[in-house]
Amino acid sequence: MDALSEVLAAVRLSGAVFLDMELRAEWSYLTAPARHIADVLMPEADHVMPYHLVTEGRCYARLVDGDPVELNAGDLILFPAGDRHVLATASDAALRLKPIDITGESLELRKRGDIASFRKGESGKSTRIVCGFLACDRRLAEPIILSLPRLLKVSMRDGGTAAWVQSSIRYSVGESASARPGSAIVLARLSEVLFAEAVRHYMDELPPDQSGWLAALRDRYVGRTLALLHEQPAYAWTVDALAAKVGLSRSALGERFSALLGSPPMQYLTRWRMSLAAAQLRENDVPIVQLAAQVGYESESAFNRAFRREFGLPPAAWRKRATSRA
């Protein structure tokens, strides 16, 4: 499996659609904070990435501190860092309006799987927007999140899987409105595919001199190295072993890896192992000695030292604090 697929599988990605908007005339709305949405609909979520899929008409989207980006039917706008943002009519007049905060728009009355209908305006061209979010383990998803812009626009209408997902979401939102069983699960899975397609589209458009995790995946040698590390994080990797696997010298691989990712291979592997360990500590009662072996440490003491360097606490203390906050 490639490194992107491995990370997407590890981050515990879960999606949801919660709002079906149909808007007319001039409008400008400040969206609810991502954490507020999660607290109501998915309180166990560690990190939330809101998204909007325009299914009809056109509009603007912008960060609270950013410039407007025009969206047309079939465009997806995603906020990987969870930033609060503004949606508005695609007109100069709407850009001058003070956005109306819609945080309290009946969201508290909803439960997971419900899709609220939001209708405003009686005349003028219609704009329809499907609003959803993706929840994940922030630390495990960090390689992807830090490689993406705060606001990511992707066209989902240009054929292939992206166009299929876009049309499927439109159809499934309609199915949900008629209370057809299973529609919430279908929309959740489609949201997850939507995110994967958005990331792939962004990767395809990166300039050749770009650095970062997603850019590294496209590199013939570093991309294969990342795939090996994510496929077998507990294996006793060395730079020599990785270099032999990918067909590059030890020094060349180290330089190439560090140039793209900002850290050498073994440091990257240690951080990924600690991320996997932290997720396990938070989510289950696996014994520390067993967990140490699962993430590649021959002894519990070596694992304890590595974990403490990363998090400032030994694993047992970190688990106690993490579970008390849950």
Protein backbone atom coordinates (compact mmCIF):
# COMPACT_ATOMS: atom_id res chain seq x y z
CA MET A 1 0.00 0.00 0.00
CA ASP A 2 1.26 3.54 -0.69
CA ALA A 3 2.09 5.90 2.19
CA LEU A 4 -0.95 8.14 1.62
CA SER A 5 -3.30 5.18 1.86
CA GLU A 6 -1.50 3.92 4.97
CA VAL A 7 -1.86 7.27 6.73
CA LEU A 8 -5.49 7.68 5.66
CA ALA A 9 -6.17 4.23 7.10
CA ALA A 10 -4.39 5.09 10.35
CA VAL A 11 -5.91 8.49 11.09
CA ARG A 12 -9.38 7.07 11.89
CA LEU A 13 -11.00 9.34 9.30
CA SER A 14 -14.76 9.61 9.62
CA GLY A 15 -17.04 11.89 7.64
CA ALA A 16 -20.52 13.33 7.92
CA VAL A 17 -22.89 15.64 6.08
CA PHE A 18 -24.95 17.84 8.38
CA LEU A 19 -26.39 20.74 6.34
CA ASP A 20 -28.11 21.13 2.97
CA MET A 21 -28.21 24.84 2.08
CA GLU A 22 -30.35 26.51 -0.59
CA LEU A 23 -29.76 30.26 -0.75
CA ARG A 24 -31.13 33.09 -2.90
CA ALA A 25 -30.61 36.85 -3.20
CA GLU A 26 -27.68 38.51 -1.38
CA TRP A 27 -26.29 36.62 1.61
CA SER A 28 -23.14 36.29 3.69
CA TYR A 29 -22.73 33.82 6.55
CA LEU A 30 -20.05 33.16 9.14
CA THR A 31 -19.97 29.42 9.66
CA ALA A 32 -20.08 27.73 13.04
CA PRO A 33 -16.72 26.88 14.64
CA ALA A 34 -15.61 23.38 13.67
CA ARG A 35 -15.25 22.38 17.32
CA HIS A 36 -18.84 23.45 18.03
CA ILE A 37 -20.11 21.27 15.18
CA ALA A 38 -18.11 18.33 16.49
CA ASP A 39 -19.26 18.82 20.08
CA VAL A 40 -22.86 18.51 18.93
CA LEU A 41 -22.58 15.80 16.25
CA MET A 42 -19.35 13.90 16.98
CA PRO A 43 -18.04 14.84 20.44
CA GLU A 44 -15.36 12.13 20.42
CA ALA A 45 -13.66 13.74 17.40
CA ASP A 46 -10.08 14.86 18.00
CA HIS A 47 -9.81 17.20 14.99
CA VAL A 48 -12.47 18.41 12.55
CA MET A 49 -12.07 19.63 8.97
CA PRO A 50 -15.19 21.37 7.59
CA TYR A 51 -15.97 21.17 3.88
CA HIS A 52 -18.56 22.55 1.46
CA LEU A 53 -19.53 21.12 -1.90
CA VAL A 54 -21.33 23.51 -4.26
CA THR A 55 -23.93 21.50 -6.17
CA GLU A 56 -25.75 24.38 -7.89
CA GLY A 57 -24.98 28.03 -8.69
CA ARG A 58 -21.93 29.90 -7.48
CA CYS A 59 -20.64 31.65 -4.35
CA TYR A 60 -17.55 32.93 -2.54
CA ALA A 61 -15.70 31.36 0.35
CA ARG A 62 -12.97 32.95 2.43
CA LEU A 63 -11.10 32.60 5.67
CA VAL A 64 -12.07 35.19 8.27
CA ASP A 65 -8.70 36.85 7.63
CA GLY A 66 -8.42 35.94 3.92
CA ASP A 67 -9.46 36.91 0.41
CA PRO A 68 -12.57 35.48 -1.31
CA VAL A 69 -12.30 32.43 -3.56
CA GLU A 70 -15.00 31.90 -6.18
CA LEU A 71 -16.77 28.54 -6.21
CA ASN A 72 -18.94 27.11 -8.97
CA ALA A 73 -21.14 24.03 -9.13
CA GLY A 74 -18.92 20.98 -8.68
CA ASP A 75 -16.28 22.79 -6.62
CA LEU A 76 -15.21 21.61 -3.19
CA ILE A 77 -13.76 23.89 -0.53
CA LEU A 78 -12.02 22.25 2.41
CA PHE A 79 -10.50 23.73 5.59
CA PRO A 80 -7.87 21.22 6.79
CA ALA A 81 -6.84 23.19 9.90
CA GLY A 82 -10.48 23.61 10.96
CA ASP A 83 -10.53 27.39 10.39
CA ARG A 84 -13.74 29.30 10.77
CA HIS A 85 -14.78 30.89 7.47
CA VAL A 86 -17.34 32.90 5.52
CA LEU A 87 -19.63 31.83 2.66
CA ALA A 88 -21.27 34.56 0.57
CA THR A 89 -23.08 35.30 -2.68
CA ALA A 90 -20.66 35.68 -5.57
CA SER A 91 -21.17 39.44 -5.85
CA ASP A 92 -19.39 42.62 -4.80
CA ALA A 93 -22.43 43.64 -2.75
CA ALA A 94 -22.30 40.44 -0.69
CA LEU A 95 -18.61 40.96 0.02
CA ARG A 96 -19.49 44.27 1.68
CA LEU A 97 -22.15 42.69 3.90
CA LYS A 98 -21.34 41.92 7.50
CA PRO A 99 -21.53 38.09 7.70
CA ILE A 100 -24.36 36.69 9.82
CA ASP A 101 -23.13 34.18 12.40
CA ILE A 102 -25.13 30.94 11.89
CA THR A 103 -23.59 28.99 14.77
CA GLY A 104 -26.94 28.58 16.51
CA GLU A 105 -29.01 27.58 13.49
CA SER A 106 -30.84 24.60 15.06
CA LEU A 107 -27.66 22.50 15.11
CA GLU A 108 -28.20 21.62 18.77
CA LEU A 109 -31.46 19.91 17.87
CA ARG A 110 -29.70 17.50 15.53
CA LYS A 111 -28.12 14.14 16.13
CA ARG A 112 -25.44 12.30 14.18
CA GLY A 113 -26.70 11.34 10.73
CA ASP A 114 -29.31 14.11 10.52
CA ILE A 115 -29.04 16.64 7.71
CA ALA A 116 -30.53 20.03 8.52
CA SER A 117 -32.22 21.98 5.74
CA PHE A 118 -31.16 25.65 5.57
CA ARG A 119 -33.29 27.78 3.19
CA LYS A 120 -32.95 31.57 2.89
CA GLY A 121 -34.25 34.03 0.32
CA GLU A 122 -37.34 34.02 -1.88
CA SER A 123 -36.05 35.36 -5.20
CA GLY A 124 -32.91 35.39 -7.30
CA LYS A 125 -30.64 32.65 -8.55
CA SER A 126 -30.33 29.61 -6.33
CA THR A 127 -27.07 28.42 -4.81
CA ARG A 128 -27.04 24.97 -3.23
CA ILE A 129 -24.27 23.83 -0.92
CA VAL A 130 -23.79 20.53 0.89
CA CYS A 131 -21.92 21.11 4.15
CA GLY A 132 -20.04 18.38 5.97
CA PHE A 133 -16.97 17.65 8.02
CA LEU A 134 -14.25 15.07 8.39
CA ALA A 135 -12.99 14.02 11.80
CA CYS A 136 -9.61 12.43 12.43
CA ASP A 137 -6.81 11.89 14.92
CA ARG A 138 -4.94 15.18 14.54
CA ARG A 139 -1.48 13.89 15.37
CA LEU A 140 -1.75 10.89 13.06
CA ALA A 141 -3.12 13.12 10.28
CA GLU A 142 -0.43 15.75 10.86
CA PRO A 143 1.68 14.75 7.82
CA ILE A 144 -1.30 15.47 5.55
CA ILE A 145 -2.77 18.47 7.40
CA LEU A 146 0.53 20.37 7.55
CA SER A 147 1.08 19.79 3.83
CA LEU A 148 -2.26 21.33 2.83
CA PRO A 149 -3.20 25.03 2.67
CA ARG A 150 -5.66 26.42 5.23
CA LEU A 151 -8.21 26.74 2.42
CA LEU A 152 -8.18 24.10 -0.31
CA LYS A 153 -10.34 24.43 -3.43
CA VAL A 154 -10.69 21.42 -5.71
CA SER A 155 -12.86 20.88 -8.78
CA MET A 156 -14.87 17.67 -8.43
CA ARG A 157 -16.54 17.84 -11.84
CA ASP A 158 -13.69 16.95 -14.20
CA GLY A 159 -14.52 13.28 -14.74
CA GLY A 160 -13.24 10.16 -13.02
CA THR A 161 -13.73 9.28 -9.37
CA ALA A 162 -14.08 12.92 -8.26
CA ALA A 163 -17.06 13.57 -10.52
CA TRP A 164 -18.66 10.29 -9.43
CA VAL A 165 -18.28 11.20 -5.74
CA GLN A 166 -19.74 14.66 -6.33
CA SER A 167 -22.81 13.33 -8.13
CA SER A 168 -23.20 10.54 -5.55
CA ILE A 169 -23.24 13.03 -2.68
CA ARG A 170 -25.90 15.09 -4.42
CA TYR A 171 -28.02 11.98 -4.90
CA SER A 172 -27.47 10.69 -1.36
CA VAL A 173 -28.43 14.02 0.23
CA GLY A 174 -31.76 13.70 -1.60
CA GLU A 175 -32.11 10.14 -0.35
CA SER A 176 -31.46 11.31 3.19
CA ALA A 177 -34.21 13.91 2.92
CA SER A 178 -36.65 11.08 2.16
CA ALA A 179 -35.38 9.22 5.26
CA ARG A 180 -34.18 6.22 3.28
CA PRO A 181 -32.35 3.81 5.67
CA GLY A 182 -28.56 3.78 5.46
CA SER A 183 -28.20 7.17 3.78
CA ALA A 184 -26.12 8.62 6.66
CA ILE A 185 -23.57 5.80 6.39
CA VAL A 186 -23.36 6.24 2.62
CA LEU A 187 -22.75 9.98 3.01
CA ALA A 188 -20.10 9.37 5.67
CA ARG A 189 -18.16 7.05 3.36
CA LEU A 190 -18.57 9.41 0.41
CA SER A 191 -17.20 12.27 2.53
CA GLU A 192 -14.11 10.20 3.28
CA VAL A 193 -13.58 9.41 -0.42
CA LEU A 194 -14.12 13.10 -1.16
CA PHE A 195 -11.23 13.99 1.15
CA ALA A 196 -8.91 11.42 -0.40
CA GLU A 197 -9.72 12.70 -3.89
CA ALA A 198 -9.13 16.30 -2.80
CA VAL A 199 -5.69 15.39 -1.43
CA ARG A 200 -4.79 13.51 -4.62
CA HIS A 201 -5.88 16.45 -6.79
CA TYR A 202 -3.77 18.81 -4.71
CA MET A 203 -0.74 16.51 -4.99
CA ASP A 204 -1.10 16.35 -8.77
CA GLU A 205 -0.92 20.14 -9.01
CA LEU A 206 2.09 20.70 -6.75
CA PRO A 207 5.04 22.44 -8.47
CA PRO A 208 8.18 20.34 -9.02
CA ASP A 209 10.23 22.26 -6.44
CA GLN A 210 7.66 21.90 -3.64
CA SER A 211 8.73 20.35 -0.34
CA GLY A 212 6.61 18.76 2.39
CA TRP A 213 5.04 15.38 3.00
CA LEU A 214 2.71 15.28 0.01
CA ALA A 215 5.47 16.45 -2.32
CA ALA A 216 7.74 13.76 -0.86
CA LEU A 217 5.23 11.06 -1.85
CA ARG A 218 5.81 11.93 -5.50
CA ASP A 219 9.57 11.47 -5.22
CA ARG A 220 10.66 8.11 -6.62
CA TYR A 221 12.95 7.30 -3.69
CA VAL A 222 11.48 9.18 -0.75
CA GLY A 223 7.94 8.15 -1.63
CA ARG A 224 8.97 4.49 -1.57
CA THR A 225 10.83 5.04 1.70
CA LEU A 226 7.73 6.53 3.30
CA ALA A 227 5.65 3.61 2.04
CA LEU A 228 8.06 1.16 3.69
CA LEU A 229 8.07 3.04 7.00
CA HIS A 230 4.27 3.24 7.11
CA GLU A 231 3.73 -0.35 5.98
CA GLN A 232 6.04 -1.73 8.69
CA PRO A 233 6.57 0.88 11.42
CA ALA A 234 7.65 -1.76 13.96
CA TYR A 235 10.39 -3.20 11.74
CA ALA A 236 13.98 -2.54 12.87
CA TRP A 237 14.69 -0.14 10.02
CA THR A 238 18.07 1.51 9.45
CA VAL A 239 18.93 4.07 6.82
CA ASP A 240 21.18 1.45 5.19
CA ALA A 241 18.30 -1.02 4.97
CA LEU A 242 15.94 1.60 3.54
CA ALA A 243 18.54 2.77 1.02
CA ALA A 244 19.08 -0.80 -0.16
CA LYS A 245 15.33 -1.30 -0.57
CA VAL A 246 14.80 1.83 -2.67
CA GLY A 247 18.05 1.57 -4.68
CA LEU A 248 19.89 4.65 -3.46
CA SER A 249 23.02 5.25 -1.41
CA ARG A 250 22.67 5.84 2.32
CA SER A 251 23.92 9.44 2.13
CA ALA A 252 21.84 10.30 -0.95
CA LEU A 253 18.65 8.97 0.65
CA GLY A 254 19.31 10.85 3.89
CA GLU A 255 19.91 14.12 2.05
CA ARG A 256 16.90 13.69 -0.23
CA PHE A 257 14.59 12.71 2.63
CA SER A 258 15.70 15.62 4.85
CA ALA A 259 15.40 18.14 2.01
CA LEU A 260 11.78 17.20 1.35
CA LEU A 261 10.58 16.51 4.89
CA GLY A 262 12.87 18.58 7.12
CA SER A 263 14.02 15.62 9.21
CA PRO A 264 16.07 12.43 8.60
CA PRO A 265 14.33 9.04 8.10
CA MET A 266 14.92 7.65 11.60
CA GLN A 267 13.65 10.80 13.29
CA TYR A 268 10.55 10.70 11.09
CA LEU A 269 10.01 7.02 11.98
CA THR A 270 10.33 7.69 15.71
CA ARG A 271 7.73 10.45 15.56
CA TRP A 272 5.32 8.24 13.60
CA ARG A 273 5.79 5.40 16.08
CA MET A 274 5.04 7.77 18.95
CA SER A 275 1.90 8.98 17.16
CA LEU A 276 0.69 5.40 16.75
CA ALA A 277 1.49 4.67 20.40
CA ALA A 278 -0.36 7.74 21.64
CA ALA A 279 -3.47 6.74 19.70
CA GLN A 280 -3.36 3.26 21.21
CA LEU A 281 -2.85 4.59 24.74
CA ARG A 282 -5.85 6.88 24.40
CA GLU A 283 -8.18 4.31 22.87
CA ASN A 284 -7.53 1.00 24.63
CA ASP A 285 -5.95 -0.70 27.63
CA VAL A 286 -3.12 -2.50 25.87
CA PRO A 287 -0.25 -3.14 28.34
CA ILE A 288 2.71 -0.80 27.94
CA VAL A 289 5.16 -3.65 27.34
CA GLN A 290 2.94 -5.04 24.58
CA LEU A 291 2.51 -1.62 23.00
CA ALA A 292 6.27 -1.08 23.02
CA ALA A 293 6.73 -4.19 20.90
CA GLN A 294 3.90 -3.18 18.57
CA VAL A 295 5.63 0.07 17.66
CA GLY A 296 9.12 -1.35 17.29
CA TYR A 297 10.84 -1.24 20.69
CA GLU A 298 12.62 -4.27 22.12
CA SER A 299 12.19 -3.14 25.72
CA GLU A 300 9.61 -1.23 27.72
CA SER A 301 12.31 1.03 29.16
CA ALA A 302 13.51 2.11 25.69
CA PHE A 303 9.93 2.83 24.68
CA ASN A 304 9.31 4.81 27.88
CA ARG A 305 12.37 6.98 27.23
CA ALA A 306 11.39 7.68 23.62
CA PHE A 307 7.79 8.45 24.57
CA ARG A 308 8.84 10.80 27.36
CA ARG A 309 11.18 12.71 25.01
CA GLU A 310 8.28 13.23 22.62
CA PHE A 311 5.44 14.00 25.04
CA GLY A 312 7.12 15.06 28.28
CA LEU A 313 5.43 12.26 30.24
CA PRO A 314 5.93 8.49 30.50
CA PRO A 315 3.27 6.44 28.66
CA ALA A 316 1.28 5.42 31.77
CA ALA A 317 0.99 9.01 33.01
CA TRP A 318 0.13 10.28 29.53
CA ARG A 319 -2.61 7.65 29.19
CA LYS A 320 -4.11 8.61 32.55
CA ARG A 321 -4.22 12.28 31.59
CA ALA A 322 -5.58 11.62 28.10
CA THR A 323 -8.38 9.35 29.26
CA SER A 324 -9.38 11.69 32.10
CA ARG A 325 -9.95 14.46 29.54
CA ALA A 326 -12.02 12.29 27.21
